[in-house]
PDB file of N, CA and C in Angstrom:
ATOM      1  N   MET A   1    -128.825 125.653-219.544  1.00  0.00           N
ATOM      2  CA  MET A   1    -127.998 125.526-218.366  1.00  0.00           C
ATOM      3  C   MET A   1    -128.842 125.010-217.200  1.00  0.00           C
ATOM      4  N   ILE A   2    -128.371 124.017-216.507  1.00  0.00           N
ATOM      5  CA  ILE A   2    -129.069 123.448-215.357  1.00  0.00           C
ATOM      6  C   ILE A   2    -128.554 124.133-214.099  1.00  0.00           C
ATOM      7  N   THR A   3    -129.492 124.613-213.292  1.00  0.00           N
ATOM      8  CA  THR A   3    -129.064 125.235-212.045  1.00  0.00           C
ATOM      9  C   THR A   3    -129.149 124.206-210.927  1.00  0.00           C
ATOM     10  N   LEU A   4    -128.395 124.431-209.911  1.00  0.00           N
ATOM     11  CA  LEU A   4    -128.331 123.528-208.772  1.00  0.00           C
ATOM     12  C   LEU A   4    -129.692 123.370-208.093  1.00  0.00           C
ATOM     13  N   PHE A   5    -130.479 124.428-208.018  1.00  0.00           N
ATOM     14  CA  PHE A   5    -131.735 124.393-207.271  1.00  0.00           C
ATOM     15  C   PHE A   5    -132.880 123.739-208.030  1.00  0.00           C
ATOM     16  N   LYS A   6    -132.659 123.377-209.296  1.00  0.00           N
ATOM     17  CA  LYS A   6    -133.670 122.602-210.017  1.00  0.00           C
ATOM     18  C   LYS A   6    -133.454 121.109-209.810  1.00  0.00           C
ATOM     19  N   ASP A   7    -132.371 120.749-209.206  1.00  0.00           N
ATOM     20  CA  ASP A   7    -132.079 119.356-208.887  1.00  0.00           C
ATOM     21  C   ASP A   7    -133.122 118.865-207.877  1.00  0.00           C
ATOM     22  N   PRO A   8    -133.680 117.651-208.044  1.00  0.00           N
ATOM     23  CA  PRO A   8    -134.704 117.142-207.121  1.00  0.00           C
ATOM     24  C   PRO A   8    -134.259 117.097-205.662  1.00  0.00           C
ATOM     25  N   ILE A   9    -132.967 116.994-205.434  1.00  0.00           N
ATOM     26  CA  ILE A   9    -132.468 116.979-204.054  1.00  0.00           C
ATOM     27  C   ILE A   9    -132.841 118.272-203.336  1.00  0.00           C
ATOM     28  N   PHE A  10    -132.906 119.382-204.085  1.00  0.00           N
ATOM     29  CA  PHE A  10    -133.194 120.686-203.491  1.00  0.00           C
ATOM     30  C   PHE A  10    -134.656 121.091-203.665  1.00  0.00           C
ATOM     31  N   GLN A  11    -135.509 120.115-203.989  1.00  0.00           N
ATOM     32  CA  GLN A  11    -136.918 120.401-204.244  1.00  0.00           C
ATOM     33  C   GLN A  11    -137.578 121.119-203.065  1.00  0.00           C
ATOM     34  N   ASP A  12    -137.270 120.726-201.847  1.00  0.00           N
ATOM     35  CA  ASP A  12    -137.875 121.338-200.666  1.00  0.00           C
ATOM     36  C   ASP A  12    -136.920 122.312-199.977  1.00  0.00           C
ATOM     37  N   PHE A  13    -135.961 122.821-200.716  1.00  0.00           N
ATOM     38  CA  PHE A  13    -134.942 123.710-200.160  1.00  0.00           C
ATOM     39  C   PHE A  13    -135.553 124.917-199.446  1.00  0.00           C
ATOM     40  N   GLU A  14    -136.543 125.556-200.095  1.00  0.00           N
ATOM     41  CA  GLU A  14    -137.147 126.740-199.498  1.00  0.00           C
ATOM     42  C   GLU A  14    -137.862 126.412-198.198  1.00  0.00           C
ATOM     43  N   LYS A  15    -138.483 125.247-198.112  1.00  0.00           N
ATOM     44  CA  LYS A  15    -139.198 124.870-196.896  1.00  0.00           C
ATOM     45  C   LYS A  15    -138.259 124.712-195.714  1.00  0.00           C
ATOM     46  N   VAL A  16    -137.049 124.270-195.979  1.00  0.00           N
ATOM     47  CA  VAL A  16    -136.070 124.081-194.909  1.00  0.00           C
ATOM     48  C   VAL A  16    -135.726 125.408-194.254  1.00  0.00           C
ATOM     49  N   PHE A  17    -135.682 126.459-195.060  1.00  0.00           N
ATOM     50  CA  PHE A  17    -135.262 127.761-194.548  1.00  0.00           C
ATOM     51  C   PHE A  17    -136.420 128.696-194.220  1.00  0.00           C
ATOM     52  N   GLU A  18    -137.652 128.251-194.396  1.00  0.00           N
ATOM     53  CA  GLU A  18    -138.794 129.059-193.981  1.00  0.00           C
ATOM     54  C   GLU A  18    -138.813 129.150-192.472  1.00  0.00           C
ATOM     55  N   PRO A  19    -139.071 130.341-191.931  1.00  0.00           N
ATOM     56  CA  PRO A  19    -139.142 130.421-190.476  1.00  0.00           C
ATOM     57  C   PRO A  19    -140.365 129.669-189.952  1.00  0.00           C
ATOM     58  N   SER A  20    -140.153 128.760-189.047  1.00  0.00           N
ATOM     59  CA  SER A  20    -141.264 128.042-188.434  1.00  0.00           C
ATOM     60  C   SER A  20    -141.116 128.150-186.926  1.00  0.00           C
ATOM     61  N   PHE A  21    -142.228 128.001-186.248  1.00  0.00           N
ATOM     62  CA  PHE A  21    -142.213 128.220-184.811  1.00  0.00           C
ATOM     63  C   PHE A  21    -143.294 127.390-184.175  1.00  0.00           C
ATOM     64  N   SER A  22    -142.937 126.702-183.142  1.00  0.00           N
ATOM     65  CA  SER A  22    -143.909 125.995-182.339  1.00  0.00           C
ATOM     66  C   SER A  22    -143.613 126.377-180.895  1.00  0.00           C
ATOM     67  N   PRO A  23    -144.454 127.197-180.316  1.00  0.00           N
ATOM     68  CA  PRO A  23    -144.158 127.683-178.971  1.00  0.00           C
ATOM     69  C   PRO A  23    -144.115 126.558-177.935  1.00  0.00           C
ATOM     70  N   LEU A  24    -143.275 126.747-176.947  1.00  0.00           N
ATOM     71  CA  LEU A  24    -143.158 125.798-175.849  1.00  0.00           C
ATOM     72  C   LEU A  24    -144.484 125.732-175.109  1.00  0.00           C
ATOM     73  N   THR A  25    -144.965 124.522-174.875  1.00  0.00           N
ATOM     74  CA  THR A  25    -146.262 124.312-174.242  1.00  0.00           C
ATOM     75  C   THR A  25    -146.125 123.355-173.074  1.00  0.00           C
ATOM     76  N   LYS A  26    -146.832 123.664-172.003  1.00  0.00           N
ATOM     77  CA  LYS A  26    -146.855 122.787-170.830  1.00  0.00           C
ATOM     78  C   LYS A  26    -148.315 122.639-170.403  1.00  0.00           C
ATOM     79  N   VAL A  27    -148.727 121.389-170.160  1.00  0.00           N
ATOM     80  CA  VAL A  27    -150.093 121.118-169.698  1.00  0.00           C
ATOM     81  C   VAL A  27    -150.004 120.455-168.326  1.00  0.00           C
ATOM     82  N   ILE A  28    -150.721 121.028-167.385  1.00  0.00           N
ATOM     83  CA  ILE A  28    -150.734 120.518-166.010  1.00  0.00           C
ATOM     84  C   ILE A  28    -152.187 120.205-165.650  1.00  0.00           C
ATOM     85  N   LYS A  29    -152.390 119.031-165.041  1.00  0.00           N
ATOM     86  CA  LYS A  29    -153.737 118.660-164.598  1.00  0.00           C
ATOM     87  C   LYS A  29    -153.728 118.468-163.095  1.00  0.00           C
ATOM     88  N   ASN A  30    -154.742 119.049-162.440  1.00  0.00           N
ATOM     89  CA  ASN A  30    -154.949 118.779-161.024  1.00  0.00           C
ATOM     90  C   ASN A  30    -156.403 118.331-160.847  1.00  0.00           C
ATOM     91  N   GLU A  31    -156.883 118.290-159.631  1.00  0.00           N
ATOM     92  CA  GLU A  31    -158.237 117.768-159.371  1.00  0.00           C
ATOM     93  C   GLU A  31    -159.350 118.639-159.940  1.00  0.00           C
ATOM     94  N   THR A  32    -159.095 119.925-160.133  1.00  0.00           N
ATOM     95  CA  THR A  32    -160.158 120.833-160.542  1.00  0.00           C
ATOM     96  C   THR A  32    -160.038 121.384-161.953  1.00  0.00           C
ATOM     97  N   GLU A  33    -158.832 121.277-162.565  1.00  0.00           N
ATOM     98  CA  GLU A  33    -158.652 121.914-163.863  1.00  0.00           C
ATOM     99  C   GLU A  33    -157.426 121.398-164.613  1.00  0.00           C
ATOM    100  N   TYR A  34    -157.444 121.677-165.906  1.00  0.00           N
ATOM    101  CA  TYR A  34    -156.248 121.536-166.736  1.00  0.00           C
ATOM    102  C   TYR A  34    -155.705 122.949-166.906  1.00  0.00           C
ATOM    103  N   LEU A  35    -154.416 123.095-166.824  1.00  0.00           N
ATOM    104  CA  LEU A  35    -153.782 124.383-167.018  1.00  0.00           C
ATOM    105  C   LEU A  35    -152.846 124.248-168.219  1.00  0.00           C
ATOM    106  N   VAL A  36    -153.069 125.073-169.242  1.00  0.00           N
ATOM    107  CA  VAL A  36    -152.237 125.047-170.444  1.00  0.00           C
ATOM    108  C   VAL A  36    -151.420 126.330-170.453  1.00  0.00           C
ATOM    109  N   LEU A  37    -150.098 126.181-170.458  1.00  0.00           N
ATOM    110  CA  LEU A  37    -149.191 127.328-170.482  1.00  0.00           C
ATOM    111  C   LEU A  37    -148.428 127.310-171.801  1.00  0.00           C
ATOM    112  N   ILE A  38    -148.458 128.435-172.513  1.00  0.00           N
ATOM    113  CA  ILE A  38    -147.789 128.523-173.806  1.00  0.00           C
ATOM    114  C   ILE A  38    -146.917 129.770-173.823  1.00  0.00           C
ATOM    115  N   GLY A  39    -145.645 129.585-174.087  1.00  0.00           N
ATOM    116  CA  GLY A  39    -144.712 130.702-174.171  1.00  0.00           C
ATOM    117  C   GLY A  39    -144.821 131.369-175.529  1.00  0.00           C
ATOM    118  N   ALA A  40    -145.089 132.667-175.547  1.00  0.00           N
ATOM    119  CA  ALA A  40    -145.203 133.427-176.790  1.00  0.00           C
ATOM    120  C   ALA A  40    -144.572 134.810-176.599  1.00  0.00           C
ATOM    121  N   PRO A  41    -143.263 134.848-176.334  1.00  0.00           N
ATOM    122  CA  PRO A  41    -142.604 136.128-176.095  1.00  0.00           C
ATOM    123  C   PRO A  41    -142.657 137.023-177.328  1.00  0.00           C
ATOM    124  N   GLY A  42    -142.804 138.301-177.079  1.00  0.00           N
ATOM    125  CA  GLY A  42    -142.852 139.269-178.165  1.00  0.00           C
ATOM    126  C   GLY A  42    -144.238 139.496-178.727  1.00  0.00           C
ATOM    127  N   LEU A  43    -145.202 138.682-178.333  1.00  0.00           N
ATOM    128  CA  LEU A  43    -146.573 138.855-178.807  1.00  0.00           C
ATOM    129  C   LEU A  43    -147.399 139.587-177.760  1.00  0.00           C
ATOM    130  N   THR A  44    -148.557 140.051-178.184  1.00  0.00           N
ATOM    131  CA  THR A  44    -149.509 140.667-177.263  1.00  0.00           C
ATOM    132  C   THR A  44    -150.795 139.852-177.301  1.00  0.00           C
ATOM    133  N   LYS A  45    -151.688 140.118-176.375  1.00  0.00           N
ATOM    134  CA  LYS A  45    -152.945 139.356-176.359  1.00  0.00           C
ATOM    135  C   LYS A  45    -153.765 139.629-177.615  1.00  0.00           C
ATOM    136  N   GLU A  46    -153.592 140.802-178.209  1.00  0.00           N
ATOM    137  CA  GLU A  46    -154.309 141.126-179.441  1.00  0.00           C
ATOM    138  C   GLU A  46    -153.788 140.306-180.625  1.00  0.00           C
ATOM    139  N   ASP A  47    -152.550 139.830-180.545  1.00  0.00           N
ATOM    140  CA  ASP A  47    -151.959 139.031-181.627  1.00  0.00           C
ATOM    141  C   ASP A  47    -152.515 137.611-181.680  1.00  0.00           C
ATOM    142  N   LEU A  48    -153.006 137.104-180.570  1.00  0.00           N
ATOM    143  CA  LEU A  48    -153.434 135.710-180.466  1.00  0.00           C
ATOM    144  C   LEU A  48    -154.919 135.549-180.756  1.00  0.00           C
ATOM    145  N   LYS A  49    -155.250 134.459-181.411  1.00  0.00           N
ATOM    146  CA  LYS A  49    -156.647 134.092-181.639  1.00  0.00           C
ATOM    147  C   LYS A  49    -156.858 132.725-181.008  1.00  0.00           C
ATOM    148  N   ILE A  50    -157.844 132.635-180.122  1.00  0.00           N
ATOM    149  CA  ILE A  50    -158.128 131.388-179.411  1.00  0.00           C
ATOM    150  C   ILE A  50    -159.599 131.052-179.626  1.00  0.00           C
ATOM    151  N   SER A  51    -159.862 129.813-180.047  1.00  0.00           N
ATOM    152  CA  SER A  51    -161.245 129.421-180.304  1.00  0.00           C
ATOM    153  C   SER A  51    -161.443 127.942-179.971  1.00  0.00           C
ATOM    154  N   THR A  52    -162.708 127.568-179.807  1.00  0.00           N
ATOM    155  CA  THR A  52    -163.074 126.161-179.627  1.00  0.00           C
ATOM    156  C   THR A  52    -164.152 125.824-180.649  1.00  0.00           C
ATOM    157  N   LYS A  53    -164.058 124.615-181.170  1.00  0.00           N
ATOM    158  CA  LYS A  53    -165.073 124.143-182.110  1.00  0.00           C
ATOM    159  C   LYS A  53    -165.008 122.628-182.151  1.00  0.00           C
ATOM    160  N   GLU A  54    -166.146 121.994-181.939  1.00  0.00           N
ATOM    161  CA  GLU A  54    -166.283 120.539-182.026  1.00  0.00           C
ATOM    162  C   GLU A  54    -165.227 119.803-181.197  1.00  0.00           C
ATOM    163  N   GLY A  55    -165.008 120.282-179.970  1.00  0.00           N
ATOM    164  CA  GLY A  55    -164.094 119.609-179.056  1.00  0.00           C
ATOM    165  C   GLY A  55    -162.622 119.872-179.312  1.00  0.00           C
ATOM    166  N   ILE A  56    -162.312 120.879-180.133  1.00  0.00           N
ATOM    167  CA  ILE A  56    -160.925 121.234-180.434  1.00  0.00           C
ATOM    168  C   ILE A  56    -160.660 122.661-179.947  1.00  0.00           C
ATOM    169  N   LEU A  57    -159.559 122.817-179.212  1.00  0.00           N
ATOM    170  CA  LEU A  57    -159.086 124.136-178.779  1.00  0.00           C
ATOM    171  C   LEU A  57    -157.995 124.546-179.751  1.00  0.00           C
ATOM    172  N   LYS A  58    -158.159 125.696-180.399  1.00  0.00           N
ATOM    173  CA  LYS A  58    -157.208 126.156-181.402  1.00  0.00           C
ATOM    174  C   LYS A  58    -156.618 127.497-180.982  1.00  0.00           C
ATOM    175  N   ILE A  59    -155.281 127.572-180.997  1.00  0.00           N
ATOM    176  CA  ILE A  59    -154.563 128.792-180.651  1.00  0.00           C
ATOM    177  C   ILE A  59    -153.709 129.150-181.869  1.00  0.00           C
ATOM    178  N   SER A  60    -153.848 130.386-182.349  1.00  0.00           N
ATOM    179  CA  SER A  60    -153.089 130.748-183.540  1.00  0.00           C
ATOM    180  C   SER A  60    -152.622 132.199-183.490  1.00  0.00           C
ATOM    181  N   PHE A  61    -151.621 132.457-184.322  1.00  0.00           N
ATOM    182  CA  PHE A  61    -151.060 133.787-184.482  1.00  0.00           C
ATOM    183  C   PHE A  61    -150.609 133.907-185.925  1.00  0.00           C
ATOM    184  N   GLU A  62    -150.966 135.016-186.553  1.00  0.00           N
ATOM    185  CA  GLU A  62    -150.501 135.264-187.910  1.00  0.00           C
ATOM    186  C   GLU A  62    -150.340 136.756-188.102  1.00  0.00           C
ATOM    187  N   LYS A  63    -149.215 137.123-188.692  1.00  0.00           N
ATOM    188  CA  LYS A  63    -148.940 138.538-188.895  1.00  0.00           C
ATOM    189  C   LYS A  63    -148.185 138.692-190.216  1.00  0.00           C
ATOM    190  N   ASP A  64    -148.645 139.603-191.048  1.00  0.00           N
ATOM    191  CA  ASP A  64    -147.924 139.899-192.280  1.00  0.00           C
ATOM    192  C   ASP A  64    -146.774 140.828-191.948  1.00  0.00           C
ATOM    193  N   VAL A  65    -145.572 140.418-192.310  1.00  0.00           N
ATOM    194  CA  VAL A  65    -144.383 141.208-191.998  1.00  0.00           C
ATOM    195  C   VAL A  65    -143.645 141.507-193.291  1.00  0.00           C
ATOM    196  N   ASP A  66    -143.509 142.809-193.600  1.00  0.00           N
ATOM    197  CA  ASP A  66    -142.786 143.226-194.796  1.00  0.00           C
ATOM    198  C   ASP A  66    -141.385 143.720-194.460  1.00  0.00           C
ATOM    199  N   ASP A  67    -141.079 143.828-193.190  1.00  0.00           N
ATOM    200  CA  ASP A  67    -139.790 144.349-192.746  1.00  0.00           C
ATOM    201  C   ASP A  67    -138.732 143.249-192.835  1.00  0.00           C
ATOM    202  N   GLU A  68    -137.677 143.460-193.635  1.00  0.00           N
ATOM    203  CA  GLU A  68    -136.624 142.460-193.780  1.00  0.00           C
ATOM    204  C   GLU A  68    -135.798 142.291-192.503  1.00  0.00           C
ATOM    205  N   LYS A  69    -135.893 143.228-191.589  1.00  0.00           N
ATOM    206  CA  LYS A  69    -135.130 143.144-190.342  1.00  0.00           C
ATOM    207  C   LYS A  69    -135.914 142.439-189.242  1.00  0.00           C
ATOM    208  N   PHE A  70    -137.135 142.040-189.557  1.00  0.00           N
ATOM    209  CA  PHE A  70    -137.976 141.352-188.580  1.00  0.00           C
ATOM    210  C   PHE A  70    -137.617 139.877-188.585  1.00  0.00           C
ATOM    211  N   TYR A  71    -137.097 139.367-187.473  1.00  0.00           N
ATOM    212  CA  TYR A  71    -136.611 137.993-187.423  1.00  0.00           C
ATOM    213  C   TYR A  71    -137.473 137.074-186.576  1.00  0.00           C
ATOM    214  N   PHE A  72    -138.579 137.547-186.067  1.00  0.00           N
ATOM    215  CA  PHE A  72    -139.420 136.715-185.224  1.00  0.00           C
ATOM    216  C   PHE A  72    -140.419 135.963-186.088  1.00  0.00           C
ATOM    217  N   VAL A  73    -141.081 135.019-185.497  1.00  0.00           N
ATOM    218  CA  VAL A  73    -142.071 134.198-186.184  1.00  0.00           C
ATOM    219  C   VAL A  73    -143.207 135.071-186.713  1.00  0.00           C
ATOM    220  N   ASN A  74    -143.769 134.681-187.879  1.00  0.00           N
ATOM    221  CA  ASN A  74    -144.902 135.433-188.386  1.00  0.00           C
ATOM    222  C   ASN A  74    -146.199 134.635-188.326  1.00  0.00           C
ATOM    223  N   SER A  75    -146.127 133.354-187.881  1.00  0.00           N
ATOM    224  CA  SER A  75    -147.364 132.600-187.689  1.00  0.00           C
ATOM    225  C   SER A  75    -147.103 131.292-186.949  1.00  0.00           C
ATOM    226  N   PHE A  76    -148.142 130.802-186.289  1.00  0.00           N
ATOM    227  CA  PHE A  76    -148.150 129.457-185.733  1.00  0.00           C
ATOM    228  C   PHE A  76    -149.586 129.077-185.427  1.00  0.00           C
ATOM    229  N   THR A  77    -149.851 127.793-185.366  1.00  0.00           N
ATOM    230  CA  THR A  77    -151.160 127.269-184.979  1.00  0.00           C
ATOM    231  C   THR A  77    -150.935 126.029-184.133  1.00  0.00           C
ATOM    232  N   LYS A  78    -151.624 125.965-183.015  1.00  0.00           N
ATOM    233  CA  LYS A  78    -151.588 124.777-182.157  1.00  0.00           C
ATOM    234  C   LYS A  78    -153.038 124.377-181.900  1.00  0.00           C
ATOM    235  N   SER A  79    -153.300 123.093-181.987  1.00  0.00           N
ATOM    236  CA  SER A  79    -154.641 122.575-181.740  1.00  0.00           C
ATOM    237  C   SER A  79    -154.572 121.443-180.733  1.00  0.00           C
ATOM    238  N   TYR A  80    -155.564 121.404-179.854  1.00  0.00           N
ATOM    239  CA  TYR A  80    -155.624 120.380-178.811  1.00  0.00           C
ATOM    240  C   TYR A  80    -157.043 119.832-178.743  1.00  0.00           C
ATOM    241  N   HIS A  81    -157.159 118.516-178.530  1.00  0.00           N
ATOM    242  CA  HIS A  81    -158.464 117.927-178.242  1.00  0.00           C
ATOM    243  C   HIS A  81    -158.828 118.303-176.814  1.00  0.00           C
ATOM    244  N   ILE A  82    -160.020 118.805-176.629  1.00  0.00           N
ATOM    245  CA  ILE A  82    -160.488 119.155-175.291  1.00  0.00           C
ATOM    246  C   ILE A  82    -160.968 117.864-174.622  1.00  0.00           C
ATOM    247  N   PRO A  83    -160.437 117.530-173.455  1.00  0.00           N
ATOM    248  CA  PRO A  83    -160.879 116.308-172.770  1.00  0.00           C
ATOM    249  C   PRO A  83    -162.383 116.333-172.500  1.00  0.00           C
ATOM    250  N   ASP A  84    -162.988 115.140-172.464  1.00  0.00           N
ATOM    251  CA  ASP A  84    -164.434 115.023-172.266  1.00  0.00           C
ATOM    252  C   ASP A  84    -164.907 115.580-170.929  1.00  0.00           C
ATOM    253  N   ASP A  85    -164.021 115.599-169.930  1.00  0.00           N
ATOM    254  CA  ASP A  85    -164.449 116.055-168.608  1.00  0.00           C
ATOM    255  C   ASP A  85    -164.309 117.562-168.397  1.00  0.00           C
ATOM    256  N   VAL A  86    -164.050 118.322-169.456  1.00  0.00           N
ATOM    257  CA  VAL A  86    -163.873 119.776-169.339  1.00  0.00           C
ATOM    258  C   VAL A  86    -165.184 120.498-169.606  1.00  0.00           C
ATOM    259  N   LYS A  87    -165.452 121.536-168.799  1.00  0.00           N
ATOM    260  CA  LYS A  87    -166.589 122.430-169.029  1.00  0.00           C
ATOM    261  C   LYS A  87    -166.150 123.428-170.103  1.00  0.00           C
ATOM    262  N   GLU A  88    -166.408 123.082-171.346  1.00  0.00           N
ATOM    263  CA  GLU A  88    -165.902 123.863-172.478  1.00  0.00           C
ATOM    264  C   GLU A  88    -166.332 125.331-172.432  1.00  0.00           C
ATOM    265  N   LYS A  89    -167.552 125.584-172.013  1.00  0.00           N
ATOM    266  CA  LYS A  89    -168.050 126.971-171.985  1.00  0.00           C
ATOM    267  C   LYS A  89    -167.388 127.815-170.897  1.00  0.00           C
ATOM    268  N   ASP A  90    -166.695 127.183-169.952  1.00  0.00           N
ATOM    269  CA  ASP A  90    -166.066 127.912-168.853  1.00  0.00           C
ATOM    270  C   ASP A  90    -164.552 128.074-168.999  1.00  0.00           C
ATOM    271  N   ILE A  91    -164.018 127.757-170.180  1.00  0.00           N
ATOM    272  CA  ILE A  91    -162.583 127.925-170.410  1.00  0.00           C
ATOM    273  C   ILE A  91    -162.240 129.409-170.334  1.00  0.00           C
ATOM    274  N   GLU A  92    -161.162 129.715-169.610  1.00  0.00           N
ATOM    275  CA  GLU A  92    -160.730 131.105-169.461  1.00  0.00           C
ATOM    276  C   GLU A  92    -159.269 131.235-169.865  1.00  0.00           C
ATOM    277  N   GLY A  93    -158.891 132.437-170.286  1.00  0.00           N
ATOM    278  CA  GLY A  93    -157.513 132.669-170.690  1.00  0.00           C
ATOM    279  C   GLY A  93    -156.984 133.986-170.165  1.00  0.00           C
ATOM    280  N   LYS A  94    -155.661 134.022-170.048  1.00  0.00           N
ATOM    281  CA  LYS A  94    -154.971 135.227-169.591  1.00  0.00           C
ATOM    282  C   LYS A  94    -153.620 135.265-170.295  1.00  0.00           C
ATOM    283  N   PHE A  95    -153.196 136.435-170.726  1.00  0.00           N
ATOM    284  CA  PHE A  95    -151.887 136.579-171.361  1.00  0.00           C
ATOM    285  C   PHE A  95    -151.098 137.636-170.600  1.00  0.00           C
ATOM    286  N   GLU A  96    -149.949 137.214-170.092  1.00  0.00           N
ATOM    287  CA  GLU A  96    -149.156 138.117-169.264  1.00  0.00           C
ATOM    288  C   GLU A  96    -147.679 137.772-169.396  1.00  0.00           C
ATOM    289  N   ASN A  97    -146.848 138.783-169.603  1.00  0.00           N
ATOM    290  CA  ASN A  97    -145.392 138.622-169.686  1.00  0.00           C
ATOM    291  C   ASN A  97    -144.964 137.552-170.694  1.00  0.00           C
ATOM    292  N   GLY A  98    -145.635 137.503-171.844  1.00  0.00           N
ATOM    293  CA  GLY A  98    -145.261 136.566-172.888  1.00  0.00           C
ATOM    294  C   GLY A  98    -145.718 135.138-172.669  1.00  0.00           C
ATOM    295  N   VAL A  99    -146.583 134.916-171.687  1.00  0.00           N
ATOM    296  CA  VAL A  99    -147.086 133.562-171.408  1.00  0.00           C
ATOM    297  C   VAL A  99    -148.613 133.556-171.482  1.00  0.00           C
ATOM    298  N   LEU A 100    -149.145 132.672-172.329  1.00  0.00           N
ATOM    299  CA  LEU A 100    -150.585 132.463-172.406  1.00  0.00           C
ATOM    300  C   LEU A 100    -150.950 131.382-171.407  1.00  0.00           C
ATOM    301  N   LYS A 101    -151.919 131.679-170.557  1.00  0.00           N
ATOM    302  CA  LYS A 101    -152.366 130.739-169.527  1.00  0.00           C
ATOM    303  C   LYS A 101    -153.852 130.470-169.754  1.00  0.00           C
ATOM    304  N   LEU A 102    -154.172 129.226-170.122  1.00  0.00           N
ATOM    305  CA  LEU A 102    -155.564 128.828-170.318  1.00  0.00           C
ATOM    306  C   LEU A 102    -155.973 127.877-169.206  1.00  0.00           C
ATOM    307  N   THR A 103    -157.126 128.129-168.616  1.00  0.00           N
ATOM    308  CA  THR A 103    -157.660 127.283-167.560  1.00  0.00           C
ATOM    309  C   THR A 103    -158.887 126.556-168.100  1.00  0.00           C
ATOM    310  N   LEU A 104    -158.823 125.232-168.073  1.00  0.00           N
ATOM    311  CA  LEU A 104    -159.930 124.397-168.535  1.00  0.00           C
ATOM    312  C   LEU A 104    -160.503 123.674-167.326  1.00  0.00           C
ATOM    313  N   PRO A 105    -161.614 124.183-166.760  1.00  0.00           N
ATOM    314  CA  PRO A 105    -162.176 123.573-165.548  1.00  0.00           C
ATOM    315  C   PRO A 105    -162.758 122.189-165.809  1.00  0.00           C
ATOM    316  N   ILE A 106    -162.546 121.310-164.844  1.00  0.00           N
ATOM    317  CA  ILE A 106    -163.052 119.938-164.934  1.00  0.00           C
ATOM    318  C   ILE A 106    -164.463 119.879-164.370  1.00  0.00           C
ATOM    319  N   ASP A 107    -165.353 119.240-165.114  1.00  0.00           N
ATOM    320  CA  ASP A 107    -166.736 119.025-164.679  1.00  0.00           C
ATOM    321  C   ASP A 107    -166.779 117.689-163.950  1.00  0.00           C
ATOM    322  N   LYS A 108    -166.903 117.735-162.642  1.00  0.00           N
ATOM    323  CA  LYS A 108    -166.886 116.510-161.818  1.00  0.00           C
ATOM    324  C   LYS A 108    -168.000 115.540-162.219  1.00  0.00           C
ATOM    325  N   LYS A 109    -169.118 116.064-162.694  1.00  0.00           N
ATOM    326  CA  LYS A 109    -170.230 115.191-163.082  1.00  0.00           C
ATOM    327  C   LYS A 109    -169.844 114.308-164.266  1.00  0.00           C
ATOM    328  N   LYS A 110    -169.036 114.840-165.184  1.00  0.00           N
ATOM    329  CA  LYS A 110    -168.623 114.072-166.359  1.00  0.00           C
ATOM    330  C   LYS A 110    -167.482 113.120-166.056  1.00  0.00           C
ATOM    331  N   SER A 111    -166.729 113.384-164.998  1.00  0.00           N
ATOM    332  CA  SER A 111    -165.525 112.598-164.766  1.00  0.00           C
ATOM    333  C   SER A 111    -165.725 111.425-163.804  1.00  0.00           C
ATOM    334  N   ILE A 112    -166.962 111.133-163.428  1.00  0.00           N
ATOM    335  CA  ILE A 112    -167.215 110.002-162.533  1.00  0.00           C
ATOM    336  C   ILE A 112    -167.010 108.709-163.294  1.00  0.00           C
ATOM    337  N   GLU A 113    -166.230 107.814-162.707  1.00  0.00           N
ATOM    338  CA  GLU A 113    -165.963 106.523-163.338  1.00  0.00           C
ATOM    339  C   GLU A 113    -167.012 105.512-162.841  1.00  0.00           C
ATOM    340  N   ARG A 114    -167.478 104.691-163.752  1.00  0.00           N
ATOM    341  CA  ARG A 114    -168.411 103.655-163.337  1.00  0.00           C
ATOM    342  C   ARG A 114    -168.181 102.419-164.184  1.00  0.00           C
ATOM    343  N   THR A 115    -168.634 101.300-163.679  1.00  0.00           N
ATOM    344  CA  THR A 115    -168.489 100.022-164.366  1.00  0.00           C
ATOM    345  C   THR A 115    -169.777  99.737-165.105  1.00  0.00           C
ATOM    346  N   ILE A 116    -169.666  99.282-166.326  1.00  0.00           N
ATOM    347  CA  ILE A 116    -170.837  98.948-167.142  1.00  0.00           C
ATOM    348  C   ILE A 116    -170.988  97.429-167.106  1.00  0.00           C
ATOM    349  N   LEU A 117    -172.148  96.970-166.679  1.00  0.00           N
ATOM    350  CA  LEU A 117    -172.417  95.535-166.637  1.00  0.00           C
ATOM    351  C   LEU A 117    -172.998  95.094-167.973  1.00  0.00           C
ATOM    352  N   LEU A 118    -172.533  93.964-168.469  1.00  0.00           N
ATOM    353  CA  LEU A 118    -173.001  93.440-169.733  1.00  0.00           C
ATOM    354  C   LEU A 118    -174.123  92.435-169.501  1.00  0.00           C
ATOM    355  N   ASN A 119    -175.111  92.427-170.378  1.00  0.00           N
ATOM    356  CA  ASN A 119    -176.228  91.475-170.317  1.00  0.00           C
ATOM    357  C   ASN A 119    -175.888  90.211-171.058  1.00  0.00           C
TER     358      ASN A 119
END
């Protein structure tokens, strides 16, 4: 007997219904810093993992949930290239009222524009 879900049309059926989540993100730049705001309602600061490596800022959340009544996201990962003019070692973060706020200070020494003359 052939079942409907063995049909190639339904090959990715489970992926369609897997819970996925990409939190709303806003990036604002001013003269002194980049400000990254990420909405993560229902999470706590202990739930989030934030790291930098090789010019990449990575924000992730993963939680094993065995409760069938739990309808919120159980994982997400967002990665951003850190701009060249950012002081990577001085990045700071704060999590309050379901909003992650990351401050990436701009290094004025790196952001000076100059013209390169060719020989």
